[in-house]
Amino acid sequence: QVQFVESGGGLVQPGGSLRLSCAQLERSTNHYFMAWFRQPSGKEHELVANINWNADVTYYPDSVKGRFTISRDNAKKVVYLQMTNLTPEDTAVYYCYTFPLPSRPSWGQGTQVIVSS
């Protein structure tokens, strides 16, 4: 079963930046498409970015486009999410996973991001 460990979250003021990291614990081959998701309190998971193996294909929804950047280090099996110009609407628990999601994803603990003054 695929396992990921997310880190790098925290409390940041509006307009601030954070860099999230996602480490893959599984020993098997890197997954071709990886993604970051977030889950605001009381809401469903939503996609915020994905990236292919070569990092030459990325996708961002309009809500984060121009502010978030996804990247990956295949040798280290780590996926990053650089977030800038954060707003309170970005407050959520952030998770990484393969993309597209399996029918029953086994979510990790995620990393909490709180944007507040």
C-alpha atoms as a PDB file:
ATOM      1  CA  GLN A   1       0.000   0.000   0.000  1.00  0.00           C
ATOM      2  CA  VAL A   2       1.313   3.404  -0.952  1.00  0.00           C
ATOM      3  CA  GLN A   3       2.291   5.590   1.968  1.00  0.00           C
ATOM      4  CA  PHE A   4       3.240   9.224   2.027  1.00  0.00           C
ATOM      5  CA  VAL A   5       4.430  11.507   4.793  1.00  0.00           C
ATOM      6  CA  GLU A   6       3.690  15.191   4.449  1.00  0.00           C
ATOM      7  CA  SER A   7       5.509  17.968   6.298  1.00  0.00           C
ATOM      8  CA  GLY A   8       6.211  21.677   6.234  1.00  0.00           C
ATOM      9  CA  GLY A   9       2.872  23.091   7.289  1.00  0.00           C
ATOM     10  CA  GLY A  10       2.337  25.675   9.981  1.00  0.00           C
ATOM     11  CA  LEU A  11       0.838  29.013  10.891  1.00  0.00           C
ATOM     12  CA  VAL A  12       1.546  31.831   8.467  1.00  0.00           C
ATOM     13  CA  GLN A  13       0.217  35.334   7.992  1.00  0.00           C
ATOM     14  CA  PRO A  14      -1.742  36.297   4.877  1.00  0.00           C
ATOM     15  CA  GLY A  15       0.676  37.006   2.068  1.00  0.00           C
ATOM     16  CA  GLY A  16       3.220  34.621   3.495  1.00  0.00           C
ATOM     17  CA  SER A  17       4.821  31.514   2.008  1.00  0.00           C
ATOM     18  CA  LEU A  18       5.344  27.893   2.929  1.00  0.00           C
ATOM     19  CA  ARG A  19       7.051  24.948   1.292  1.00  0.00           C
ATOM     20  CA  LEU A  20       5.473  21.560   1.822  1.00  0.00           C
ATOM     21  CA  SER A  21       7.274  18.266   1.342  1.00  0.00           C
ATOM     22  CA  CYS A  22       5.914  14.800   0.654  1.00  0.00           C
ATOM     23  CA  ALA A  23       8.101  11.747   1.160  1.00  0.00           C
ATOM     24  CA  GLN A  24       7.132   8.428  -0.356  1.00  0.00           C
ATOM     25  CA  LEU A  25       7.778   5.522   1.978  1.00  0.00           C
ATOM     26  CA  GLU A  26       7.054   2.765  -0.500  1.00  0.00           C
ATOM     27  CA  ARG A  27      10.129   1.105  -1.939  1.00  0.00           C
ATOM     28  CA  SER A  28       8.684   0.485  -5.341  1.00  0.00           C
ATOM     29  CA  THR A  29       9.116   2.599  -8.430  1.00  0.00           C
ATOM     30  CA  ASN A  30       8.157   6.228  -8.336  1.00  0.00           C
ATOM     31  CA  HIS A  31       4.619   6.959  -9.389  1.00  0.00           C
ATOM     32  CA  TYR A  32       4.270   8.677 -12.737  1.00  0.00           C
ATOM     33  CA  PHE A  33       1.747  11.321 -11.686  1.00  0.00           C
ATOM     34  CA  MET A  34       1.782  12.798  -8.222  1.00  0.00           C
ATOM     35  CA  ALA A  35      -0.490  15.415  -6.754  1.00  0.00           C
ATOM     36  CA  TRP A  36      -1.189  17.608  -3.777  1.00  0.00           C
ATOM     37  CA  PHE A  37      -4.654  17.791  -2.324  1.00  0.00           C
ATOM     38  CA  ARG A  38      -6.109  19.779   0.519  1.00  0.00           C
ATOM     39  CA  GLN A  39      -9.053  19.352   2.811  1.00  0.00           C
ATOM     40  CA  PRO A  40     -10.488  22.438   4.471  1.00  0.00           C
ATOM     41  CA  SER A  41     -12.294  21.745   7.716  1.00  0.00           C
ATOM     42  CA  GLY A  42     -15.649  20.132   7.072  1.00  0.00           C
ATOM     43  CA  LYS A  43     -15.127  19.847   3.337  1.00  0.00           C
ATOM     44  CA  GLU A  44     -14.005  17.264   0.809  1.00  0.00           C
ATOM     45  CA  HIS A  45     -10.483  16.817  -0.495  1.00  0.00           C
ATOM     46  CA  GLU A  46      -9.700  19.047  -3.448  1.00  0.00           C
ATOM     47  CA  LEU A  47      -6.871  18.900  -5.961  1.00  0.00           C
ATOM     48  CA  VAL A  48      -4.412  21.790  -5.806  1.00  0.00           C
ATOM     49  CA  ALA A  49      -1.649  20.599  -8.125  1.00  0.00           C
ATOM     50  CA  ASN A  50      -0.320  17.610 -10.004  1.00  0.00           C
ATOM     51  CA  ILE A  51       2.887  16.795 -11.830  1.00  0.00           C
ATOM     52  CA  ASN A  52       4.129  14.082 -14.155  1.00  0.00           C
ATOM     53  CA  TRP A  53       7.352  12.086 -13.906  1.00  0.00           C
ATOM     54  CA  ASN A  54       9.435  14.445 -16.023  1.00  0.00           C
ATOM     55  CA  ALA A  55       7.972  17.510 -14.347  1.00  0.00           C
ATOM     56  CA  ASP A  56       7.119  18.966 -17.740  1.00  0.00           C
ATOM     57  CA  VAL A  57       3.370  18.635 -17.238  1.00  0.00           C
ATOM     58  CA  THR A  58       1.694  20.339 -14.309  1.00  0.00           C
ATOM     59  CA  TYR A  59      -1.831  21.373 -13.494  1.00  0.00           C
ATOM     60  CA  TYR A  60      -3.241  23.916 -11.060  1.00  0.00           C
ATOM     61  CA  PRO A  61      -6.838  24.931 -10.492  1.00  0.00           C
ATOM     62  CA  ASP A  62      -7.607  28.623 -10.841  1.00  0.00           C
ATOM     63  CA  SER A  63      -7.785  29.008  -7.071  1.00  0.00           C
ATOM     64  CA  VAL A  64      -4.017  28.502  -6.703  1.00  0.00           C
ATOM     65  CA  LYS A  65      -2.650  29.152 -10.186  1.00  0.00           C
ATOM     66  CA  GLY A  66       0.213  31.622 -10.119  1.00  0.00           C
ATOM     67  CA  ARG A  67       0.702  31.171  -6.375  1.00  0.00           C
ATOM     68  CA  PHE A  68       1.513  27.477  -5.934  1.00  0.00           C
ATOM     69  CA  THR A  69       4.292  25.526  -7.626  1.00  0.00           C
ATOM     70  CA  ILE A  70       4.634  21.753  -7.541  1.00  0.00           C
ATOM     71  CA  SER A  71       7.969  20.050  -8.123  1.00  0.00           C
ATOM     72  CA  ARG A  72       9.538  16.674  -7.514  1.00  0.00           C
ATOM     73  CA  ASP A  73      12.871  14.982  -6.881  1.00  0.00           C
ATOM     74  CA  ASN A  74      12.546  11.456  -8.250  1.00  0.00           C
ATOM     75  CA  ALA A  75      15.877  10.326  -6.847  1.00  0.00           C
ATOM     76  CA  LYS A  76      14.728  11.241  -3.346  1.00  0.00           C
ATOM     77  CA  LYS A  77      11.099  10.252  -3.971  1.00  0.00           C
ATOM     78  CA  VAL A  78       9.945  13.617  -2.674  1.00  0.00           C
ATOM     79  CA  VAL A  79       7.296  15.955  -4.033  1.00  0.00           C
ATOM     80  CA  TYR A  80       7.206  19.601  -3.037  1.00  0.00           C
ATOM     81  CA  LEU A  81       4.578  22.312  -3.006  1.00  0.00           C
ATOM     82  CA  GLN A  82       5.815  25.883  -2.846  1.00  0.00           C
ATOM     83  CA  MET A  83       2.980  28.156  -1.755  1.00  0.00           C
ATOM     84  CA  THR A  84       3.198  31.920  -1.951  1.00  0.00           C
ATOM     85  CA  ASN A  85       0.844  34.836  -1.332  1.00  0.00           C
ATOM     86  CA  LEU A  86      -1.226  32.647   0.972  1.00  0.00           C
ATOM     87  CA  THR A  87      -4.746  33.678   1.935  1.00  0.00           C
ATOM     88  CA  PRO A  88      -7.061  32.472   4.723  1.00  0.00           C
ATOM     89  CA  GLU A  89      -8.897  30.443   2.056  1.00  0.00           C
ATOM     90  CA  ASP A  90      -5.779  28.272   1.746  1.00  0.00           C
ATOM     91  CA  THR A  91      -6.214  27.064   5.322  1.00  0.00           C
ATOM     92  CA  ALA A  92      -6.550  23.282   5.186  1.00  0.00           C
ATOM     93  CA  VAL A  93      -4.796  20.003   5.812  1.00  0.00           C
ATOM     94  CA  TYR A  94      -2.591  19.268   2.822  1.00  0.00           C
ATOM     95  CA  TYR A  95      -1.942  15.770   1.511  1.00  0.00           C
ATOM     96  CA  CYS A  96      -0.020  14.257  -1.349  1.00  0.00           C
ATOM     97  CA  TYR A  97      -1.004  11.167  -3.290  1.00  0.00           C
ATOM     98  CA  THR A  98      -0.803   9.509  -6.654  1.00  0.00           C
ATOM     99  CA  PHE A  99      -2.943  10.908  -9.424  1.00  0.00           C
ATOM    100  CA  PRO A 100      -5.584  10.042 -10.296  1.00  0.00           C
ATOM    101  CA  LEU A 101      -6.704   8.908  -6.888  1.00  0.00           C
ATOM    102  CA  PRO A 102      -7.508   5.246  -6.353  1.00  0.00           C
ATOM    103  CA  SER A 103     -11.069   4.367  -5.407  1.00  0.00           C
ATOM    104  CA  ARG A 104     -10.096   4.156  -1.736  1.00  0.00           C
ATOM    105  CA  PRO A 105      -7.032   6.288  -1.047  1.00  0.00           C
ATOM    106  CA  SER A 106      -5.177   5.598   2.167  1.00  0.00           C
ATOM    107  CA  TRP A 107      -4.547   9.153   3.273  1.00  0.00           C
ATOM    108  CA  GLY A 108      -1.625   9.933   5.539  1.00  0.00           C
ATOM    109  CA  GLN A 109      -1.756  12.417   8.400  1.00  0.00           C
ATOM    110  CA  GLY A 110      -1.244  15.368   6.121  1.00  0.00           C
ATOM    111  CA  THR A 111       0.246  18.667   7.180  1.00  0.00           C
ATOM    112  CA  GLN A 112      -1.857  21.491   8.579  1.00  0.00           C
ATOM    113  CA  VAL A 113      -1.615  24.929   6.998  1.00  0.00           C
ATOM    114  CA  ILE A 114      -3.245  27.824   8.829  1.00  0.00           C
ATOM    115  CA  VAL A 115      -3.246  31.259   7.253  1.00  0.00           C
ATOM    116  CA  SER A 116      -4.244  33.858   9.791  1.00  0.00           C
ATOM    117  CA  SER A 117      -3.180  37.212  11.109  1.00  0.00           C
END
